[in-house]
PDB file of N, CA and C in Angstrom:
ATOM      1  N   MET A   1     -98.069 237.912 -23.380  1.00  0.00           N
ATOM      2  CA  MET A   1     -97.379 238.416 -22.213  1.00  0.00           C
ATOM      3  C   MET A   1     -97.795 239.870 -21.958  1.00  0.00           C
ATOM      4  N   SER A   2     -98.345 240.136 -20.786  1.00  0.00           N
ATOM      5  CA  SER A   2     -98.795 241.493 -20.492  1.00  0.00           C
ATOM      6  C   SER A   2     -97.641 242.312 -19.931  1.00  0.00           C
ATOM      7  N   GLN A   3     -97.652 243.536 -20.305  1.00  0.00           N
ATOM      8  CA  GLN A   3     -96.599 244.420 -19.809  1.00  0.00           C
ATOM      9  C   GLN A   3     -97.045 245.053 -18.499  1.00  0.00           C
ATOM     10  N   LEU A   4     -96.105 245.076 -17.567  1.00  0.00           N
ATOM     11  CA  LEU A   4     -96.393 245.740 -16.300  1.00  0.00           C
ATOM     12  C   LEU A   4     -96.306 247.243 -16.498  1.00  0.00           C
ATOM     13  N   PRO A   5     -97.122 247.981 -15.787  1.00  0.00           N
ATOM     14  CA  PRO A   5     -97.015 249.445 -15.934  1.00  0.00           C
ATOM     15  C   PRO A   5     -95.656 249.919 -15.441  1.00  0.00           C
ATOM     16  N   ARG A   6     -95.091 250.792 -16.202  1.00  0.00           N
ATOM     17  CA  ARG A   6     -93.774 251.319 -15.850  1.00  0.00           C
ATOM     18  C   ARG A   6     -93.905 252.331 -14.718  1.00  0.00           C
ATOM     19  N   PRO A   7     -92.937 252.337 -13.823  1.00  0.00           N
ATOM     20  CA  PRO A   7     -93.005 253.354 -12.764  1.00  0.00           C
ATOM     21  C   PRO A   7     -92.888 254.736 -13.376  1.00  0.00           C
ATOM     22  N   PRO A   8     -93.500 255.695 -12.743  1.00  0.00           N
ATOM     23  CA  PRO A   8     -93.431 257.047 -13.302  1.00  0.00           C
ATOM     24  C   PRO A   8     -91.988 257.516 -13.361  1.00  0.00           C
ATOM     25  N   THR A   9     -91.664 258.149 -14.460  1.00  0.00           N
ATOM     26  CA  THR A   9     -90.310 258.684 -14.618  1.00  0.00           C
ATOM     27  C   THR A   9     -90.178 259.946 -13.796  1.00  0.00           C
ATOM     28  N   ASN A  10     -89.046 260.542 -13.883  1.00  0.00           N
ATOM     29  CA  ASN A  10     -88.814 261.761 -13.102  1.00  0.00           C
ATOM     30  C   ASN A  10     -89.390 262.976 -13.809  1.00  0.00           C
ATOM     31  N   ALA A  11     -90.561 262.814 -14.390  1.00  0.00           N
ATOM     32  CA  ALA A  11     -91.227 263.931 -15.060  1.00  0.00           C
ATOM     33  C   ALA A  11     -91.596 265.020 -14.064  1.00  0.00           C
ATOM     34  N   SER A  12     -91.961 264.599 -12.846  1.00  0.00           N
ATOM     35  CA  SER A  12     -92.320 265.614 -11.850  1.00  0.00           C
ATOM     36  C   SER A  12     -91.109 266.442 -11.469  1.00  0.00           C
ATOM     37  N   SER A  13     -89.929 265.820 -11.438  1.00  0.00           N
ATOM     38  CA  SER A  13     -88.743 266.608 -11.115  1.00  0.00           C
ATOM     39  C   SER A  13     -88.374 267.517 -12.272  1.00  0.00           C
ATOM     40  N   ARG A  14     -88.703 267.080 -13.484  1.00  0.00           N
ATOM     41  CA  ARG A  14     -88.444 267.948 -14.632  1.00  0.00           C
ATOM     42  C   ARG A  14     -89.373 269.146 -14.607  1.00  0.00           C
ATOM     43  N   LEU A  15     -90.592 268.930 -14.127  1.00  0.00           N
ATOM     44  CA  LEU A  15     -91.545 270.034 -14.083  1.00  0.00           C
ATOM     45  C   LEU A  15     -91.092 271.120 -13.116  1.00  0.00           C
ATOM     46  N   SER A  16     -90.407 270.717 -12.044  1.00  0.00           N
ATOM     47  CA  SER A  16     -90.004 271.721 -11.059  1.00  0.00           C
ATOM     48  C   SER A  16     -88.859 272.583 -11.556  1.00  0.00           C
ATOM     49  N   THR A  17     -88.212 272.155 -12.629  1.00  0.00           N
ATOM     50  CA  THR A  17     -87.097 272.957 -13.143  1.00  0.00           C
ATOM     51  C   THR A  17     -87.489 273.725 -14.393  1.00  0.00           C
ATOM     52  N   LEU A  18     -88.774 273.828 -14.637  1.00  0.00           N
ATOM     53  CA  LEU A  18     -89.212 274.616 -15.780  1.00  0.00           C
ATOM     54  C   LEU A  18     -88.760 276.056 -15.594  1.00  0.00           C
ATOM     55  N   PRO A  19     -88.495 276.737 -16.700  1.00  0.00           N
ATOM     56  CA  PRO A  19     -88.054 278.140 -16.581  1.00  0.00           C
ATOM     57  C   PRO A  19     -89.023 279.022 -15.819  1.00  0.00           C
ATOM     58  N   SER A  20     -90.315 278.715 -15.859  1.00  0.00           N
ATOM     59  CA  SER A  20     -91.283 279.547 -15.138  1.00  0.00           C
ATOM     60  C   SER A  20     -91.155 279.374 -13.626  1.00  0.00           C
ATOM     61  N   GLN A  21     -90.586 278.261 -13.166  1.00  0.00           N
ATOM     62  CA  GLN A  21     -90.433 278.002 -11.735  1.00  0.00           C
ATOM     63  C   GLN A  21     -89.161 278.624 -11.170  1.00  0.00           C
ATOM     64  N   LYS A  22     -88.188 278.856 -12.011  1.00  0.00           N
ATOM     65  CA  LYS A  22     -86.891 279.315 -11.503  1.00  0.00           C
ATOM     66  C   LYS A  22     -86.959 280.646 -10.769  1.00  0.00           C
ATOM     67  N   PRO A  23     -87.630 281.648 -11.272  1.00  0.00           N
ATOM     68  CA  PRO A  23     -87.696 282.909 -10.496  1.00  0.00           C
ATOM     69  C   PRO A  23     -88.311 282.723  -9.116  1.00  0.00           C
ATOM     70  N   ARG A  24     -89.355 281.881  -9.034  1.00  0.00           N
ATOM     71  CA  ARG A  24     -89.976 281.626  -7.734  1.00  0.00           C
ATOM     72  C   ARG A  24     -89.012 280.904  -6.806  1.00  0.00           C
ATOM     73  N   GLN A  25     -88.306 279.917  -7.331  1.00  0.00           N
ATOM     74  CA  GLN A  25     -87.331 279.188  -6.518  1.00  0.00           C
ATOM     75  C   GLN A  25     -86.200 280.094  -6.081  1.00  0.00           C
ATOM     76  N   LEU A  26     -85.716 280.940  -6.991  1.00  0.00           N
ATOM     77  CA  LEU A  26     -84.643 281.870  -6.633  1.00  0.00           C
ATOM     78  C   LEU A  26     -85.105 282.867  -5.578  1.00  0.00           C
ATOM     79  N   SER A  27     -86.348 283.309  -5.705  1.00  0.00           N
ATOM     80  CA  SER A  27     -86.898 284.222  -4.704  1.00  0.00           C
ATOM     81  C   SER A  27     -86.989 283.538  -3.344  1.00  0.00           C
ATOM     82  N   HIS A  28     -87.419 282.269  -3.357  1.00  0.00           N
ATOM     83  CA  HIS A  28     -87.516 281.515  -2.099  1.00  0.00           C
ATOM     84  C   HIS A  28     -86.125 281.312  -1.491  1.00  0.00           C
ATOM     85  N   LEU A  29     -85.153 280.966  -2.325  1.00  0.00           N
ATOM     86  CA  LEU A  29     -83.781 280.794  -1.831  1.00  0.00           C
ATOM     87  C   LEU A  29     -83.217 282.107  -1.288  1.00  0.00           C
ATOM     88  N   HIS A  30     -83.549 283.195  -1.942  1.00  0.00           N
ATOM     89  CA  HIS A  30     -83.080 284.501  -1.470  1.00  0.00           C
ATOM     90  C   HIS A  30     -83.682 284.829  -0.099  1.00  0.00           C
ATOM     91  N   ALA A  31     -84.958 284.508   0.080  1.00  0.00           N
ATOM     92  CA  ALA A  31     -85.597 284.743   1.376  1.00  0.00           C
ATOM     93  C   ALA A  31     -84.974 283.862   2.454  1.00  0.00           C
ATOM     94  N   GLN A  32     -84.687 282.606   2.113  1.00  0.00           N
ATOM     95  CA  GLN A  32     -84.051 281.715   3.085  1.00  0.00           C
ATOM     96  C   GLN A  32     -82.650 282.201   3.431  1.00  0.00           C
ATOM     97  N   LEU A  33     -81.915 282.690   2.444  1.00  0.00           N
ATOM     98  CA  LEU A  33     -80.572 283.213   2.696  1.00  0.00           C
ATOM     99  C   LEU A  33     -80.629 284.448   3.589  1.00  0.00           C
ATOM    100  N   ALA A  34     -81.612 285.299   3.366  1.00  0.00           N
ATOM    101  CA  ALA A  34     -81.763 286.481   4.220  1.00  0.00           C
ATOM    102  C   ALA A  34     -82.072 286.066   5.651  1.00  0.00           C
ATOM    103  N   GLN A  35     -82.923 285.048   5.833  1.00  0.00           N
ATOM    104  CA  GLN A  35     -83.246 284.562   7.177  1.00  0.00           C
ATOM    105  C   GLN A  35     -82.021 283.942   7.829  1.00  0.00           C
ATOM    106  N   LEU A  36     -81.259 283.174   7.054  1.00  0.00           N
ATOM    107  CA  LEU A  36     -80.036 282.567   7.576  1.00  0.00           C
ATOM    108  C   LEU A  36     -79.032 283.634   7.994  1.00  0.00           C
ATOM    109  N   THR A  37     -78.888 284.662   7.190  1.00  0.00           N
ATOM    110  CA  THR A  37     -77.968 285.749   7.524  1.00  0.00           C
ATOM    111  C   THR A  37     -78.396 286.442   8.812  1.00  0.00           C
ATOM    112  N   ALA A  38     -79.696 286.675   8.960  1.00  0.00           N
ATOM    113  CA  ALA A  38     -80.195 287.306  10.183  1.00  0.00           C
ATOM    114  C   ALA A  38     -79.948 286.411  11.393  1.00  0.00           C
ATOM    115  N   ASN A  39     -80.159 285.097  11.236  1.00  0.00           N
ATOM    116  CA  ASN A  39     -79.936 284.178  12.349  1.00  0.00           C
ATOM    117  C   ASN A  39     -78.460 284.106  12.724  1.00  0.00           C
ATOM    118  N   VAL A  40     -77.571 284.122  11.745  1.00  0.00           N
ATOM    119  CA  VAL A  40     -76.133 284.085  12.027  1.00  0.00           C
ATOM    120  C   VAL A  40     -75.706 285.370  12.738  1.00  0.00           C
ATOM    121  N   THR A  41     -76.265 286.493  12.327  1.00  0.00           N
ATOM    122  CA  THR A  41     -75.959 287.764  12.996  1.00  0.00           C
ATOM    123  C   THR A  41     -76.431 287.737  14.445  1.00  0.00           C
ATOM    124  N   ASP A  42     -77.640 287.212  14.676  1.00  0.00           N
ATOM    125  CA  ASP A  42     -78.144 287.089  16.051  1.00  0.00           C
ATOM    126  C   ASP A  42     -77.252 286.171  16.881  1.00  0.00           C
ATOM    127  N   LEU A  43     -76.839 285.056  16.282  1.00  0.00           N
ATOM    128  CA  LEU A  43     -75.961 284.127  16.987  1.00  0.00           C
ATOM    129  C   LEU A  43     -74.635 284.780  17.338  1.00  0.00           C
ATOM    130  N   GLU A  44     -74.087 285.558  16.416  1.00  0.00           N
ATOM    131  CA  GLU A  44     -72.826 286.253  16.682  1.00  0.00           C
ATOM    132  C   GLU A  44     -72.967 287.229  17.849  1.00  0.00           C
ATOM    133  N   ASN A  45     -74.070 287.965  17.865  1.00  0.00           N
ATOM    134  CA  ASN A  45     -74.306 288.905  18.968  1.00  0.00           C
ATOM    135  C   ASN A  45     -74.474 288.175  20.295  1.00  0.00           C
ATOM    136  N   LEU A  46     -75.201 287.053  20.274  1.00  0.00           N
ATOM    137  CA  LEU A  46     -75.393 286.289  21.505  1.00  0.00           C
ATOM    138  C   LEU A  46     -74.072 285.696  22.002  1.00  0.00           C
ATOM    139  N   LEU A  47     -73.237 285.230  21.088  1.00  0.00           N
ATOM    140  CA  LEU A  47     -71.939 284.686  21.499  1.00  0.00           C
ATOM    141  C   LEU A  47     -71.043 285.778  22.089  1.00  0.00           C
ATOM    142  N   ARG A  48     -71.093 286.958  21.501  1.00  0.00           N
ATOM    143  CA  ARG A  48     -70.299 288.069  22.034  1.00  0.00           C
ATOM    144  C   ARG A  48     -70.775 288.423  23.443  1.00  0.00           C
ATOM    145  N   MET A  49     -72.094 288.468  23.636  1.00  0.00           N
ATOM    146  CA  MET A  49     -72.652 288.770  24.951  1.00  0.00           C
ATOM    147  C   MET A  49     -72.304 287.673  25.955  1.00  0.00           C
ATOM    148  N   THR A  50     -72.332 286.418  25.513  1.00  0.00           N
ATOM    149  CA  THR A  50     -71.991 285.307  26.396  1.00  0.00           C
ATOM    150  C   THR A  50     -70.536 285.388  26.834  1.00  0.00           C
ATOM    151  N   ALA A  51     -69.650 285.787  25.932  1.00  0.00           N
ATOM    152  CA  ALA A  51     -68.241 285.926  26.286  1.00  0.00           C
ATOM    153  C   ALA A  51     -68.048 287.012  27.345  1.00  0.00           C
ATOM    154  N   VAL A  52     -68.767 288.124  27.201  1.00  0.00           N
ATOM    155  CA  VAL A  52     -68.677 289.196  28.202  1.00  0.00           C
ATOM    156  C   VAL A  52     -69.217 288.711  29.545  1.00  0.00           C
ATOM    157  N   GLN A  53     -70.338 287.978  29.514  1.00  0.00           N
ATOM    158  CA  GLN A  53     -70.917 287.481  30.756  1.00  0.00           C
ATOM    159  C   GLN A  53     -70.017 286.440  31.415  1.00  0.00           C
ATOM    160  N   ALA A  54     -69.351 285.616  30.611  1.00  0.00           N
ATOM    161  CA  ALA A  54     -68.446 284.610  31.180  1.00  0.00           C
ATOM    162  C   ALA A  54     -67.273 285.286  31.888  1.00  0.00           C
ATOM    163  N   GLU A  55     -66.770 286.361  31.316  1.00  0.00           N
ATOM    164  CA  GLU A  55     -65.685 287.097  31.974  1.00  0.00           C
ATOM    165  C   GLU A  55     -66.173 287.720  33.281  1.00  0.00           C
ATOM    166  N   SER A  56     -67.398 288.227  33.287  1.00  0.00           N
ATOM    167  CA  SER A  56     -67.958 288.785  34.522  1.00  0.00           C
ATOM    168  C   SER A  56     -68.165 287.699  35.573  1.00  0.00           C
ATOM    169  N   MET A  57     -68.613 286.524  35.141  1.00  0.00           N
ATOM    170  CA  MET A  57     -68.783 285.403  36.082  1.00  0.00           C
ATOM    171  C   MET A  57     -67.433 284.994  36.677  1.00  0.00           C
ATOM    172  N   ARG A  58     -66.407 285.067  35.882  1.00  0.00           N
ATOM    173  CA  ARG A  58     -65.069 284.751  36.394  1.00  0.00           C
ATOM    174  C   ARG A  58     -64.684 285.738  37.495  1.00  0.00           C
ATOM    175  N   GLY A  59     -64.957 287.017  37.264  1.00  0.00           N
ATOM    176  CA  GLY A  59     -64.676 288.022  38.283  1.00  0.00           C
ATOM    177  C   GLY A  59     -65.487 287.794  39.543  1.00  0.00           C
ATOM    178  N   LEU A  60     -66.766 287.467  39.378  1.00  0.00           N
ATOM    179  CA  LEU A  60     -67.605 287.198  40.549  1.00  0.00           C
ATOM    180  C   LEU A  60     -67.100 285.975  41.314  1.00  0.00           C
ATOM    181  N   GLY A  61     -66.608 284.976  40.596  1.00  0.00           N
ATOM    182  CA  GLY A  61     -66.043 283.802  41.250  1.00  0.00           C
ATOM    183  C   GLY A  61     -64.840 284.164  42.092  1.00  0.00           C
ATOM    184  N   GLY A  62     -64.012 285.066  41.586  1.00  0.00           N
ATOM    185  CA  GLY A  62     -62.855 285.527  42.358  1.00  0.00           C
ATOM    186  C   GLY A  62     -63.278 286.248  43.626  1.00  0.00           C
ATOM    187  N   TYR A  63     -64.293 287.120  43.492  1.00  0.00           N
ATOM    188  CA  TYR A  63     -64.776 287.834  44.682  1.00  0.00           C
ATOM    189  C   TYR A  63     -65.354 286.863  45.703  1.00  0.00           C
ATOM    190  N   ALA A  64     -66.142 285.900  45.262  1.00  0.00           N
ATOM    191  CA  ALA A  64     -66.743 284.940  46.173  1.00  0.00           C
ATOM    192  C   ALA A  64     -65.665 284.110  46.861  1.00  0.00           C
ATOM    193  N   GLY A  65     -64.651 283.718  46.094  1.00  0.00           N
ATOM    194  CA  GLY A  65     -63.545 282.964  46.689  1.00  0.00           C
ATOM    195  C   GLY A  65     -62.818 283.774  47.739  1.00  0.00           C
ATOM    196  N   ALA A  66     -62.598 285.054  47.450  1.00  0.00           N
ATOM    197  CA  ALA A  66     -61.921 285.918  48.412  1.00  0.00           C
ATOM    198  C   ALA A  66     -62.752 286.072  49.684  1.00  0.00           C
ATOM    199  N   MET A  67     -64.070 286.185  49.527  1.00  0.00           N
ATOM    200  CA  MET A  67     -64.920 286.308  50.716  1.00  0.00           C
ATOM    201  C   MET A  67     -64.900 285.026  51.545  1.00  0.00           C
ATOM    202  N   PHE A  68     -64.915 283.872  50.885  1.00  0.00           N
ATOM    203  CA  PHE A  68     -64.847 282.609  51.613  1.00  0.00           C
ATOM    204  C   PHE A  68     -63.521 282.480  52.367  1.00  0.00           C
ATOM    205  N   MET A  69     -62.420 282.902  51.716  1.00  0.00           N
ATOM    206  CA  MET A  69     -61.118 282.818  52.392  1.00  0.00           C
ATOM    207  C   MET A  69     -61.061 283.770  53.585  1.00  0.00           C
ATOM    208  N   ALA A  70     -61.626 284.989  53.417  1.00  0.00           N
ATOM    209  CA  ALA A  70     -61.643 285.944  54.523  1.00  0.00           C
ATOM    210  C   ALA A  70     -62.516 285.435  55.667  1.00  0.00           C
ATOM    211  N   ALA A  71     -63.674 284.884  55.329  1.00  0.00           N
ATOM    212  CA  ALA A  71     -64.557 284.351  56.365  1.00  0.00           C
ATOM    213  C   ALA A  71     -63.896 283.176  57.071  1.00  0.00           C
ATOM    214  N   SER A  72     -63.201 282.346  56.322  1.00  0.00           N
ATOM    215  CA  SER A  72     -62.519 281.203  56.922  1.00  0.00           C
ATOM    216  C   SER A  72     -61.423 281.670  57.869  1.00  0.00           C
ATOM    217  N   LYS A  73     -60.714 282.711  57.469  1.00  0.00           N
ATOM    218  CA  LYS A  73     -59.640 283.216  58.327  1.00  0.00           C
ATOM    219  C   LYS A  73     -60.211 283.809  59.607  1.00  0.00           C
ATOM    220  N   ILE A  74     -61.287 284.595  59.462  1.00  0.00           N
ATOM    221  CA  ILE A  74     -61.880 285.226  60.643  1.00  0.00           C
ATOM    222  C   ILE A  74     -62.466 284.166  61.572  1.00  0.00           C
ATOM    223  N   LEU A  75     -63.212 283.219  61.005  1.00  0.00           N
ATOM    224  CA  LEU A  75     -63.799 282.177  61.838  1.00  0.00           C
ATOM    225  C   LEU A  75     -62.731 281.300  62.445  1.00  0.00           C
ATOM    226  N   GLY A  76     -61.651 281.059  61.722  1.00  0.00           N
ATOM    227  CA  GLY A  76     -60.554 280.266  62.255  1.00  0.00           C
ATOM    228  C   GLY A  76     -59.869 280.955  63.412  1.00  0.00           C
ATOM    229  N   GLU A  77     -59.675 282.271  63.337  1.00  0.00           N
ATOM    230  CA  GLU A  77     -59.052 283.015  64.419  1.00  0.00           C
ATOM    231  C   GLU A  77     -59.940 283.040  65.649  1.00  0.00           C
ATOM    232  N   GLU A  78     -61.260 283.174  65.464  1.00  0.00           N
ATOM    233  CA  GLU A  78     -62.173 283.180  66.607  1.00  0.00           C
ATOM    234  C   GLU A  78     -62.159 281.820  67.297  1.00  0.00           C
ATOM    235  N   THR A  79     -62.055 280.756  66.517  1.00  0.00           N
ATOM    236  CA  THR A  79     -62.030 279.433  67.119  1.00  0.00           C
ATOM    237  C   THR A  79     -60.750 279.225  67.911  1.00  0.00           C
ATOM    238  N   VAL A  80     -59.623 279.714  67.356  1.00  0.00           N
ATOM    239  CA  VAL A  80     -58.345 279.558  68.067  1.00  0.00           C
ATOM    240  C   VAL A  80     -58.317 280.387  69.333  1.00  0.00           C
ATOM    241  N   SER A  81     -58.769 281.656  69.244  1.00  0.00           N
ATOM    242  CA  SER A  81     -58.737 282.519  70.430  1.00  0.00           C
ATOM    243  C   SER A  81     -59.794 282.110  71.466  1.00  0.00           C
ATOM    244  N   GLY A  82     -60.894 281.548  71.016  1.00  0.00           N
ATOM    245  CA  GLY A  82     -61.940 281.124  71.939  1.00  0.00           C
ATOM    246  C   GLY A  82     -61.584 279.817  72.623  1.00  0.00           C
ATOM    247  N   GLY A  83     -60.741 278.988  72.004  1.00  0.00           N
ATOM    248  CA  GLY A  83     -60.414 277.693  72.595  1.00  0.00           C
ATOM    249  C   GLY A  83     -59.264 277.843  73.530  1.00  0.00           C
TER     250      GLY A  83
END
């Protein structure tokens, strides 16, 4: 009876956890954490700016609505007086 070749064990995963690899992995994780922190800070700034812009858009909407109401009133009066 011939033996089938055994599938490779997780030796490759053991190799990645060798003590010589840990400083490199920690350095890589530290760089990724620094990038993540920078991205979160950028996102926070963009969200703050978006909130300010949304409040300004609300104000502009009020002004536009007021102009439409004023124009409607003026045009309505001209139509009534002209008819």
